[in-house]
C-alpha cells in the first residue's frame, strides 16, 4: 500500500515537469562541474593548510552546501511559483484534478530538484573531511539534518511569498541571490566554518527545564514553523482569493509559538534578557498573522451578502470574511499571557554575569507590546474597511509616521544635540516608535526621571492609537453596514419591479 502511494506521489505532473526541465543533461552537467571545482578547491586548500583537523575545511563545504540548498533552492521555488502565476498556468492547475496538496508538494520538491542533485555531489567531499578530521559521523548527521530542515523552511517561505506577492513575469530571484551573497557571504563563511567544532561539543538545550539534545529542540521549532507555512501555502495554492490562514489556524499558530518560546527560555536565568527578545517575537508574529487574516472592504461586503442569503445579519466571528476584532482580542490575550508567564517564571532568579537582568520595567514593556498589537490590528482593519484598495497606502503612511519617523527624528536630534545630551533626549524620541520603545522601556532604568520619560513615550502613543482606531473602526463598520443595506434594498426593489 505504501509503495502504491509513493508511485502516485511520484506521478505528480508538477513534479515530473520540473524534473524533466531542470535535470536536462547539458545544464545539469555544467552545474555539476562548477560545484565539483569548488569542492576540489576547498579540499585542496584544506590539505595544504592542514585545516581538516580544525574543521575549517568542512565548514567551508558546509557553507557551500547551505548556499546551494537553502539560498539557490529557495530562489528556484519562488521563481517557479511566480512564473506560473504570471503566465496563468497556475490558475489552470487549480481547476485541474490535482489537489492543493499535490500542487504544493510538486512545486516544493520539484523546483529545487537540481539543487538537491548538486548538494548530493558535495557529500563525498564532506565524508573525506570526516575521514581526516572533524566533525564526527554523529555531528555530520546532525548538521545535515539541520541543513535540510532549514532548507525546507526557506523553500516554504519562498513558495508562500511568491503566492502572496504580485505576480511577475520576470522573477527577481537571481538578483536577490546576488545581493544575499554580497552582503552576507563573508559572515556566512565565518560562522559556518566553525560548525564542525560546535556539533562535536554535544550541546544540550533545556525545554521546560528538561535537558534535551540541541537538535531535538531546534527541530521542534522548525517543525512548527514548517507546518504552518505549508498550511498557508496549501490554502493559497488552492485559491488565489482565500486568506493564507483562517482565524482559528492563526490563533493556533500564535499559541504554538507561545508554547515553544516559554519552553525554550523557562528558568534560564543566565539569559534573562531573552525575555525582551521573546516579547518582540510574540509581537512580530502577531503582526504577521493579523496581515494574513484581515479582510478588506470587498471581502467584508461579500461576507455580508453571504450572510444575507443565509438569513443572518452578519457572518460568524471565525469566518474568513468577518472583521478581525474577536481574533485580535484573542491574539492580544495570548501575547499578554505568554509574556506575563515568562516574566513571572524568571522572578526571583539570580542575575547572571553573562547577560544581566534588564533594569527597566518589563511589565510596562509587555503592556506596550500588547497595545501595539491591538492598535496595529485595529488600524489595519479600519483602513481596509474605510478606504478599500487605497487603505494599504494610507496604512503604510501611518506606520511610517508612527514607527519610522520617530527613529529618524531621534537620530537627527542626537546628531544636532552633541555628545553630552544626545543619548537621553534621543532615546525619549526613539521610544515613540514601538520598534525601539518596547526594548527601551524594559531596559532603561538608571535615572528615575529619564526612565519615566522613556516609558511615557512608549505607552502613550500605544494607548492613544488603540482608543482612536477602535472608535474609527466602529464608525467605519456602521458606515459599511448602512451602505450594504442600501445596496441590498435597491437590488431587492429592482427585482420586484421586473415582470
Protein backbone atom coordinates (compact mmCIF):
# COMPACT_ATOMS: atom_id res chain seq x y z
CA UNK A 1 0.00 0.00 0.00
CA UNK A 2 2.82 2.39 0.85
CA UNK A 3 4.51 1.56 -2.46
CA UNK A 4 1.34 2.46 -4.38
CA UNK A 5 1.14 5.80 -2.55
CA UNK A 6 4.77 6.51 -3.34
CA UNK A 7 4.21 5.78 -7.03
CA UNK A 8 1.14 8.01 -7.05
CA UNK A 9 3.13 10.82 -5.43
CA UNK A 10 6.00 10.45 -7.89
CA UNK A 11 3.45 10.57 -10.72
CA UNK A 12 2.65 14.18 -9.77
CA UNK A 13 2.61 16.15 -13.08
CA UNK A 14 4.13 19.25 -11.44
CA UNK A 15 6.98 17.20 -10.01
CA UNK A 16 7.56 15.36 -13.30
CA UNK A 17 7.59 18.63 -15.23
CA UNK A 18 10.26 20.17 -13.03
CA UNK A 19 12.36 17.01 -13.01
CA UNK A 20 12.39 16.90 -16.81
CA UNK A 21 13.09 20.61 -17.27
CA UNK A 22 15.66 21.12 -14.52
CA UNK A 23 17.59 17.87 -14.95
CA UNK A 24 18.42 18.25 -18.62
CA UNK A 25 21.82 16.82 -19.34
CA UNK A 26 23.76 19.85 -20.55
CA UNK A 27 22.74 22.47 -17.93
CA UNK A 28 22.98 19.86 -15.17
CA UNK A 29 26.45 18.75 -16.29
CA UNK A 30 27.70 22.35 -16.33
CA UNK A 31 26.35 22.99 -12.84
CA UNK A 32 27.88 19.76 -11.50
CA UNK A 33 31.29 20.67 -12.94
CA UNK A 34 31.17 24.10 -11.28
CA UNK A 35 30.24 22.59 -7.90
CA UNK A 36 32.92 19.91 -8.15
CA UNK A 37 35.56 22.52 -8.94
CA UNK A 38 34.57 24.48 -5.82
CA UNK A 39 34.70 21.31 -3.72
CA UNK A 40 38.10 20.32 -5.07
CA UNK A 41 39.48 23.78 -4.32
CA UNK A 42 38.20 23.60 -0.74
CA UNK A 43 39.62 20.12 -0.19
CA UNK A 44 42.97 21.05 -1.75
CA UNK A 45 43.17 24.17 0.42
CA UNK A 46 42.33 22.09 3.48
CA UNK A 47 45.12 19.65 2.63
CA UNK A 48 47.70 22.36 2.02
CA UNK A 49 46.76 24.48 5.04
CA UNK A 50 46.07 21.46 7.27
CA UNK A 51 42.59 22.66 8.25
CA UNK A 52 40.94 19.22 8.26
CA UNK A 53 41.70 18.72 11.96
CA UNK A 54 40.28 22.11 12.95
CA UNK A 55 37.09 21.58 10.93
CA UNK A 56 37.50 24.73 8.83
CA UNK A 57 37.62 22.76 5.58
CA UNK A 58 34.37 21.04 6.46
CA UNK A 59 32.91 24.41 7.49
CA UNK A 60 33.64 25.85 4.04
CA UNK A 61 31.99 22.85 2.41
CA UNK A 62 29.02 23.26 4.74
CA UNK A 63 28.76 26.92 3.72
CA UNK A 64 28.75 25.88 0.06
CA UNK A 65 26.05 23.29 0.77
CA UNK A 66 23.99 25.96 2.55
CA UNK A 67 24.20 28.32 -0.41
CA UNK A 68 23.22 25.57 -2.83
CA UNK A 69 20.38 24.03 -0.89
CA UNK A 70 18.97 26.95 1.10
CA UNK A 71 19.60 30.08 -0.97
CA UNK A 72 19.56 28.74 -4.50
CA UNK A 73 16.81 26.22 -3.72
CA UNK A 74 14.54 28.88 -2.21
CA UNK A 75 15.22 31.12 -5.19
CA UNK A 76 14.13 28.40 -7.59
CA UNK A 77 10.92 27.70 -5.65
CA UNK A 78 9.97 31.38 -5.63
CA UNK A 79 10.83 31.82 -9.29
CA UNK A 80 8.86 28.74 -10.36
CA UNK A 81 5.69 29.74 -8.48
CA UNK A 82 5.99 33.39 -9.56
CA UNK A 83 6.39 32.43 -13.21
CA UNK A 84 3.44 30.04 -13.02
CA UNK A 85 1.24 32.80 -11.57
CA UNK A 86 2.36 35.39 -14.10
CA UNK A 87 1.74 33.10 -17.07
CA UNK A 88 -1.66 31.97 -15.79
CA UNK A 89 -0.71 28.30 -15.75
CA UNK A 90 -1.26 28.15 -12.01
CA UNK A 91 -4.95 29.00 -12.49
CA UNK A 92 -5.16 26.14 -14.96
CA UNK A 93 -3.63 23.79 -12.39
CA UNK A 94 -6.20 24.93 -9.81
CA UNK A 95 -9.10 23.74 -11.98
CA UNK A 96 -7.33 20.50 -12.87
CA UNK A 97 -7.91 17.27 -10.92
CA UNK A 98 -4.75 17.97 -8.89
CA UNK A 99 -5.39 18.66 -5.22
CA UNK A 100 -3.82 21.66 -3.40
CA UNK A 101 -1.53 19.22 -1.59
CA UNK A 102 -0.24 17.82 -4.87
CA UNK A 103 0.29 21.30 -6.30
CA UNK A 104 2.15 22.49 -3.21
CA UNK A 105 4.37 19.42 -2.94
CA UNK A 106 5.03 19.44 -6.68
CA UNK A 107 6.48 22.96 -6.61
CA UNK A 108 8.07 22.45 -3.19
CA UNK A 109 10.15 19.41 -4.18
CA UNK A 110 10.22 19.81 -7.96
CA UNK A 111 11.53 23.36 -8.38
CA UNK A 112 14.79 22.81 -6.39
CA UNK A 113 15.43 19.30 -7.76
CA UNK A 114 18.69 20.37 -9.43
CA UNK A 115 19.91 21.84 -6.15
CA UNK A 116 19.28 18.51 -4.43
CA UNK A 117 21.47 16.80 -7.04
CA UNK A 118 24.22 19.40 -6.62
CA UNK A 119 24.01 19.00 -2.85
CA UNK A 120 24.43 15.24 -3.25
CA UNK A 121 27.60 15.85 -5.30
CA UNK A 122 29.20 17.62 -2.32
CA UNK A 123 28.60 14.78 0.16
CA UNK A 124 31.65 12.64 -0.83
CA UNK A 125 33.94 15.60 -0.13
CA UNK A 126 32.28 16.08 3.28
CA UNK A 127 32.94 12.42 4.08
CA UNK A 128 36.57 12.98 3.10
CA UNK A 129 36.76 15.73 5.70
CA UNK A 130 35.31 13.35 8.26
CA UNK A 131 37.96 10.76 7.46
CA UNK A 132 40.87 13.18 8.01
CA UNK A 133 39.49 15.39 10.77
CA UNK A 134 36.29 16.71 12.26
CA UNK A 135 33.37 16.50 12.76
CA UNK A 136 32.47 13.03 13.87
CA UNK A 137 29.90 10.99 11.97
CA UNK A 138 27.30 11.81 14.62
CA UNK A 139 27.96 15.54 14.28
CA UNK A 140 27.89 15.29 10.48
CA UNK A 141 24.46 13.64 10.51
CA UNK A 142 23.17 16.32 12.88
CA UNK A 143 24.35 19.13 10.62
CA UNK A 144 22.87 17.51 7.51
CA UNK A 145 19.51 17.04 9.21
CA UNK A 146 19.57 20.66 10.37
CA UNK A 147 20.53 21.87 6.90
CA UNK A 148 17.71 20.00 5.17
CA UNK A 149 15.16 21.15 7.75
CA UNK A 150 16.29 24.78 7.42
CA UNK A 151 16.20 24.48 3.63
CA UNK A 152 12.60 23.25 3.76
CA UNK A 153 11.61 26.24 5.90
CA UNK A 154 13.17 28.68 3.44
CA UNK A 155 11.63 26.84 0.49
CA UNK A 156 8.23 27.07 2.16
CA UNK A 157 8.66 30.78 2.87
CA UNK A 158 9.72 31.38 -0.74
CA UNK A 159 6.66 29.49 -2.00
CA UNK A 160 4.33 31.43 0.30
CA UNK A 161 5.93 34.75 -0.60
CA UNK A 162 5.51 34.02 -4.32
CA UNK A 163 1.82 33.24 -3.76
CA UNK A 164 1.22 36.41 -1.74
CA UNK A 165 3.25 38.89 -3.77
CA UNK A 166 2.21 40.38 -7.07
CA UNK A 167 2.72 38.03 -9.99
CA UNK A 168 5.78 38.89 -12.06
CA UNK A 169 6.73 37.59 -15.46
CA UNK A 170 10.43 38.02 -14.65
CA UNK A 171 11.09 36.95 -11.05
CA UNK A 172 13.89 38.74 -9.22
CA UNK A 173 15.26 35.64 -7.57
CA UNK A 174 18.72 35.82 -9.16
CA UNK A 175 19.11 39.47 -8.14
CA UNK A 176 18.16 38.59 -4.57
CA UNK A 177 20.68 35.75 -4.58
CA UNK A 178 23.48 38.06 -5.70
CA UNK A 179 22.58 40.63 -3.05
CA UNK A 180 22.50 37.93 -0.36
CA UNK A 181 25.89 36.55 -1.31
CA UNK A 182 27.49 40.02 -1.49
CA UNK A 183 26.09 41.29 1.81
CA UNK A 184 26.12 38.16 3.94
CA UNK A 185 28.57 35.84 2.24
CA UNK A 186 31.50 36.81 4.46
CA UNK A 187 29.56 36.39 7.70
CA UNK A 188 28.11 33.12 6.44
CA UNK A 189 31.53 31.66 5.74
CA UNK A 190 32.91 32.92 9.05
CA UNK A 191 30.07 31.38 11.04
CA UNK A 192 29.66 28.06 9.26
CA UNK A 193 33.35 27.22 9.15
CA UNK A 194 33.17 26.71 12.94
CA UNK A 195 30.12 24.45 12.73
CA UNK A 196 32.17 21.25 12.95
CA UNK A 197 33.65 22.24 16.32
CA UNK A 198 30.23 23.16 17.72
CA UNK A 199 28.49 19.85 16.96
CA UNK A 200 31.36 17.85 18.43
CA UNK A 201 30.76 19.53 21.80
CA UNK A 202 27.49 17.59 22.24
CA UNK A 203 25.48 20.68 23.17
CA UNK A 204 22.20 20.35 25.02
CA UNK A 205 19.31 22.77 25.47
CA UNK A 206 16.60 22.93 28.07
CA UNK A 207 12.90 22.76 27.24
CA UNK A 208 10.60 23.43 30.21
CA UNK A 209 13.51 22.52 32.44
CA UNK A 210 14.28 19.22 30.67
CA UNK A 211 17.75 18.83 29.18
CA UNK A 212 17.44 17.66 25.56
CA UNK A 213 19.84 17.37 22.62
CA UNK A 214 20.10 20.66 20.81
CA UNK A 215 18.93 19.16 17.53
CA UNK A 216 15.69 17.89 19.08
CA UNK A 217 14.81 21.35 20.41
CA UNK A 218 15.69 23.06 17.13
CA UNK A 219 13.72 20.55 15.06
CA UNK A 220 10.71 21.04 17.33
CA UNK A 221 10.67 24.75 16.50
CA UNK A 222 11.38 24.20 12.81
CA UNK A 223 8.63 21.60 12.52
CA UNK A 224 6.06 24.01 13.93
CA UNK A 225 7.12 26.79 11.56
CA UNK A 226 7.18 24.44 8.58
CA UNK A 227 3.71 23.08 9.39
CA UNK A 228 2.02 26.48 9.43
CA UNK A 229 3.97 27.72 6.41
CA UNK A 230 2.89 24.63 4.49
CA UNK A 231 -0.69 25.12 5.68
CA UNK A 232 -0.69 28.72 4.43
CA UNK A 233 0.92 27.77 1.12
CA UNK A 234 -1.59 24.96 0.60
CA UNK A 235 -4.54 27.32 1.14
CA UNK A 236 -3.17 29.92 -1.26
CA UNK A 237 -2.32 27.22 -3.80
CA UNK A 238 -5.94 26.09 -3.73
CA UNK A 239 -7.39 29.57 -4.25
CA UNK A 240 -5.96 32.96 -5.17
CA UNK A 241 -8.54 34.90 -3.17
CA UNK A 242 -8.51 32.95 0.08
CA UNK A 243 -6.56 34.17 3.09
CA UNK A 244 -3.30 32.31 3.83
CA UNK A 245 -4.63 31.19 7.22
CA UNK A 246 -8.07 31.05 8.75
CA UNK A 247 -8.61 32.88 12.02
CA UNK A 248 -8.59 29.65 14.02
CA UNK A 249 -5.39 28.49 12.30
CA UNK A 250 -3.74 31.84 13.01
CA UNK A 251 -4.70 31.60 16.68
CA UNK A 252 -3.26 28.09 16.77
CA UNK A 253 -0.04 29.38 15.21
CA UNK A 254 0.30 32.13 17.83
CA UNK A 255 -0.47 29.70 20.65
CA UNK A 256 2.08 27.18 19.31
CA UNK A 257 4.76 29.86 19.14
CA UNK A 258 3.92 30.94 22.68
CA UNK A 259 4.21 27.35 23.94
CA UNK A 260 7.60 26.88 22.26
CA UNK A 261 9.01 30.22 23.42
CA UNK A 262 8.01 29.64 27.03
CA UNK A 263 9.60 26.20 26.99
CA UNK A 264 12.80 27.49 25.40
CA UNK A 265 13.66 30.16 27.96
CA UNK A 266 11.88 28.72 31.00
CA UNK A 267 14.01 29.15 34.13
CA UNK A 268 17.08 30.09 32.11
CA UNK A 269 18.11 32.92 34.40
CA UNK A 270 21.52 33.17 32.74
CA UNK A 271 19.72 34.51 29.67
CA UNK A 272 17.19 36.76 31.40
CA UNK A 273 17.46 39.34 28.62
CA UNK A 274 15.81 36.79 26.31
CA UNK A 275 12.52 37.90 27.85
CA UNK A 276 12.73 41.04 25.70
CA UNK A 277 13.59 39.02 22.60
CA UNK A 278 10.62 36.75 23.30
CA UNK A 279 8.31 39.74 23.63
CA UNK A 280 9.47 41.09 20.28
CA UNK A 281 8.97 37.67 18.66
CA UNK A 282 5.44 37.47 20.01
CA UNK A 283 4.58 40.95 18.74
CA UNK A 284 6.15 40.40 15.31
CA UNK A 285 4.37 37.08 14.85
CA UNK A 286 1.05 38.59 15.91
CA UNK A 287 1.51 41.43 13.42
CA UNK A 288 2.24 38.99 10.58
CA UNK A 289 -0.78 36.87 11.45
CA UNK A 290 -3.01 39.95 11.53
CA UNK A 291 -1.94 40.78 8.00
CA UNK A 292 -2.87 37.25 6.90
CA UNK A 293 -6.43 37.16 8.25
CA UNK A 294 -7.76 40.74 7.97
CA UNK A 295 -10.44 41.13 5.23
CA UNK A 296 -10.69 44.19 3.03
CA UNK A 297 -13.84 46.13 2.12
CA UNK A 298 -14.74 43.97 -0.87
CA UNK A 299 -14.35 40.78 1.15
CA UNK A 300 -16.41 42.20 4.00
CA UNK A 301 -19.23 43.15 1.62
CA UNK A 302 -19.07 39.67 0.11
CA UNK A 303 -19.39 38.22 3.58
CA UNK A 304 -22.46 40.37 4.27
CA UNK A 305 -24.10 39.14 1.06
CA UNK A 306 -23.32 35.56 2.04
CA UNK A 307 -24.83 36.10 5.49
CA UNK A 308 -27.92 37.72 3.97
CA UNK A 309 -28.50 34.75 1.72
CA UNK A 310 -28.26 32.50 4.77
CA UNK A 311 -30.81 34.59 6.66
CA UNK A 312 -28.25 36.12 9.05
CA UNK A 313 -27.40 39.73 9.82
CA UNK A 314 -23.64 39.04 9.84
CA UNK A 315 -21.15 36.23 9.49
CA UNK A 316 -19.68 34.35 12.42
CA UNK A 317 -16.58 35.75 14.06
CA UNK A 318 -14.45 32.85 12.77
CA UNK A 319 -15.36 33.29 9.11
CA UNK A 320 -12.54 34.44 6.84
CA UNK A 321 -14.62 37.40 5.62
CA UNK A 322 -15.64 38.73 9.05
CA UNK A 323 -13.88 41.55 10.87
CA UNK A 324 -10.81 40.73 12.93
CA UNK A 325 -11.86 42.23 16.28
CA UNK A 326 -12.55 38.98 18.16
CA UNK A 327 -9.48 37.37 16.61
CA UNK A 328 -7.44 40.41 17.61
CA UNK A 329 -8.66 40.23 21.20
CA UNK A 330 -7.64 36.56 21.47
CA UNK A 331 -4.21 37.25 19.95
CA UNK A 332 -3.64 40.07 22.43
CA UNK A 333 -4.63 37.79 25.30
CA UNK A 334 -2.13 35.15 24.12
CA UNK A 335 0.66 37.73 23.87
CA UNK A 336 -0.17 39.16 27.30
CA UNK A 337 -0.47 35.77 28.99
CA UNK A 338 2.71 34.39 27.44
CA UNK A 339 4.85 37.44 28.20
CA UNK A 340 3.50 37.61 31.76
CA UNK A 341 4.18 33.91 32.31
CA UNK A 342 7.75 34.32 31.11
CA UNK A 343 8.26 37.33 33.36
CA UNK A 344 6.85 35.56 36.41
CA UNK A 345 8.82 32.43 35.59
CA UNK A 346 12.11 34.28 35.97
CA UNK A 347 11.15 36.29 39.06
CA UNK A 348 13.37 35.59 41.97
CA UNK A 349 16.19 34.16 39.90
CA UNK A 350 19.69 35.40 40.47
CA UNK A 351 21.12 37.82 37.97
CA UNK A 352 23.68 36.47 35.57
CA UNK A 353 27.09 37.91 34.93
CA UNK A 354 26.77 37.00 31.24
CA UNK A 355 23.56 38.85 30.44
CA UNK A 356 22.20 40.82 33.41
CA UNK A 357 18.52 41.17 34.14
CA UNK A 358 17.03 44.30 32.48
CA UNK A 359 16.78 47.26 34.85
CA UNK A 360 13.69 48.82 33.29
CA UNK A 361 10.02 47.98 33.63
CA UNK A 362 9.30 44.73 31.82
CA UNK A 363 5.57 44.71 32.79
CA UNK A 364 5.16 48.13 31.18
CA UNK A 365 7.01 46.88 28.10
CA UNK A 366 4.60 43.92 27.95
CA UNK A 367 1.65 46.33 28.13
CA UNK A 368 3.16 48.43 25.35
CA UNK A 369 3.68 45.34 23.18
CA UNK A 370 0.09 44.17 23.66
CA UNK A 371 -1.25 47.64 22.84
CA UNK A 372 0.93 47.77 19.72
CA UNK A 373 -0.62 44.51 18.52
CA UNK A 374 -4.09 45.87 19.34
CA UNK A 375 -3.80 49.17 17.51
CA UNK A 376 -1.95 47.59 14.58
CA UNK A 377 -4.85 45.18 14.03
CA UNK A 378 -7.50 47.87 14.55
CA UNK A 379 -5.72 50.32 12.25
CA UNK A 380 -5.20 47.72 9.53
CA UNK A 381 -8.87 46.71 9.67
CA UNK A 382 -10.03 50.34 9.70
CA UNK A 383 -8.02 51.43 6.67
CA UNK A 384 -9.00 48.29 4.74
CA UNK A 385 -12.70 48.76 5.59
CA UNK A 386 -12.87 52.52 5.15
CA UNK A 387 -10.72 53.09 2.05
CA UNK A 388 -10.77 49.74 0.24
CA UNK A 389 -7.85 49.25 -2.12
CA UNK A 390 -6.34 52.62 -1.12
CA UNK A 391 -6.25 51.53 2.51
CA UNK A 392 -2.86 49.87 2.08
CA UNK A 393 -1.33 53.19 1.05
CA UNK A 394 -2.82 55.11 3.98
CA UNK A 395 -1.95 52.33 6.41
CA UNK A 396 1.64 52.31 5.17
CA UNK A 397 1.80 56.09 5.64
CA UNK A 398 0.51 55.73 9.20
CA UNK A 399 3.14 53.10 10.01
CA UNK A 400 5.85 55.33 8.60
CA UNK A 401 4.78 58.27 10.74
CA UNK A 402 4.25 56.19 13.89
CA UNK A 403 7.12 53.70 13.63
CA UNK A 404 9.85 55.03 11.33
CA UNK A 405 9.64 58.82 11.70
CA UNK A 406 10.46 58.82 15.47
CA UNK A 407 13.63 56.85 14.73
CA UNK A 408 14.66 59.38 12.09
CA UNK A 409 13.78 62.33 14.33
CA UNK A 410 15.69 60.84 17.26
CA UNK A 411 18.75 60.24 15.12
CA UNK A 412 18.68 63.82 13.81
CA UNK A 413 18.21 65.18 17.34
CA UNK A 414 21.10 63.08 18.58
CA UNK A 415 23.46 64.40 15.92
CA UNK A 416 22.35 68.00 16.49
CA UNK A 417 22.48 67.96 20.31
CA UNK A 418 26.08 66.91 20.64
CA UNK A 419 27.61 64.04 22.60
CA UNK A 420 26.64 65.38 26.05
CA UNK A 421 22.84 65.36 25.69
CA UNK A 422 22.34 63.21 22.63
CA UNK A 423 21.76 59.88 24.36
CA UNK A 424 18.88 60.56 26.72
CA UNK A 425 16.94 63.02 24.55
CA UNK A 426 17.24 60.74 21.55
CA UNK A 427 16.05 57.70 23.48
CA UNK A 428 12.90 59.54 24.58
CA UNK A 429 12.14 60.27 20.92
CA UNK A 430 13.08 56.74 19.90
CA UNK A 431 10.60 55.37 22.43
CA UNK A 432 7.71 56.87 20.47
CA UNK A 433 8.31 54.08 17.96
CA UNK A 434 7.47 50.55 19.16
CA UNK A 435 10.47 49.26 17.24
CA UNK A 436 12.72 50.79 19.90
CA UNK A 437 10.19 51.74 22.58
CA UNK A 438 9.43 48.23 23.82
CA UNK A 439 13.08 47.40 24.34
CA UNK A 440 13.96 50.77 25.87
CA UNK A 441 11.05 50.54 28.30
CA UNK A 442 12.31 47.17 29.53
CA UNK A 443 15.99 48.11 29.78
CA UNK A 444 16.15 51.79 30.75
CA UNK A 445 16.06 52.36 34.50
CA UNK A 446 19.23 54.16 35.60
CA UNK A 447 17.67 57.60 36.19
CA UNK A 448 14.13 57.84 37.56
CA UNK A 449 13.01 60.96 35.68
CA UNK A 450 14.63 59.84 32.43
CA UNK A 451 13.21 56.30 32.61
CA UNK A 452 9.73 57.72 33.26
CA UNK A 453 10.08 59.86 30.14
CA UNK A 454 11.06 56.84 28.06
CA UNK A 455 8.21 54.75 29.45
CA UNK A 456 5.68 57.53 28.92
CA UNK A 457 6.84 57.99 25.33
CA UNK A 458 6.38 54.27 24.68
CA UNK A 459 2.99 53.71 26.34
CA UNK A 460 1.18 56.97 25.50
CA UNK A 461 1.02 56.61 21.68
CA UNK A 462 0.04 52.96 22.02
CA UNK A 463 -2.88 53.80 24.31
CA UNK A 464 -3.94 56.74 22.12
CA UNK A 465 -3.85 54.80 18.87
CA UNK A 466 -5.76 51.88 20.39
CA UNK A 467 -8.69 54.03 21.52
CA UNK A 468 -8.70 56.18 18.38
CA UNK A 469 -8.66 53.32 15.88
CA UNK A 470 -11.20 51.33 17.88
CA UNK A 471 -13.59 54.29 17.62
CA UNK A 472 -12.83 54.79 13.93
CA UNK A 473 -13.34 51.10 13.20
CA UNK A 474 -16.77 51.11 14.88
CA UNK A 475 -17.73 54.11 12.74
CA UNK A 476 -16.37 52.51 9.55
CA UNK A 477 -18.24 49.27 10.25
CA UNK A 478 -21.52 51.11 10.71
CA UNK A 479 -20.91 53.07 7.52
CA UNK A 480 -20.18 49.88 5.58
CA UNK A 481 -23.26 48.23 7.08
CA UNK A 482 -25.51 51.12 6.03
CA UNK A 483 -24.05 51.15 2.53
CA UNK A 484 -24.61 47.41 2.22
CA UNK A 485 -28.24 47.64 3.43
CA UNK A 486 -28.92 50.45 0.97
CA UNK A 487 -27.44 48.42 -1.89
CA UNK A 488 -29.39 45.34 -0.81
CA UNK A 489 -32.69 47.25 -0.63
CA UNK A 490 -32.02 48.80 -4.03
CA UNK A 491 -31.32 45.40 -5.56
CA UNK A 492 -34.45 43.94 -3.95
CA UNK A 493 -36.59 46.82 -5.27
CA UNK A 494 -35.29 46.41 -8.80
CA UNK A 495 -36.02 42.67 -8.74
CA UNK A 496 -39.64 43.33 -7.70
CA UNK A 497 -40.19 45.88 -10.49
CA UNK A 498 -39.17 43.41 -13.16
CA UNK A 499 -42.14 41.44 -14.56
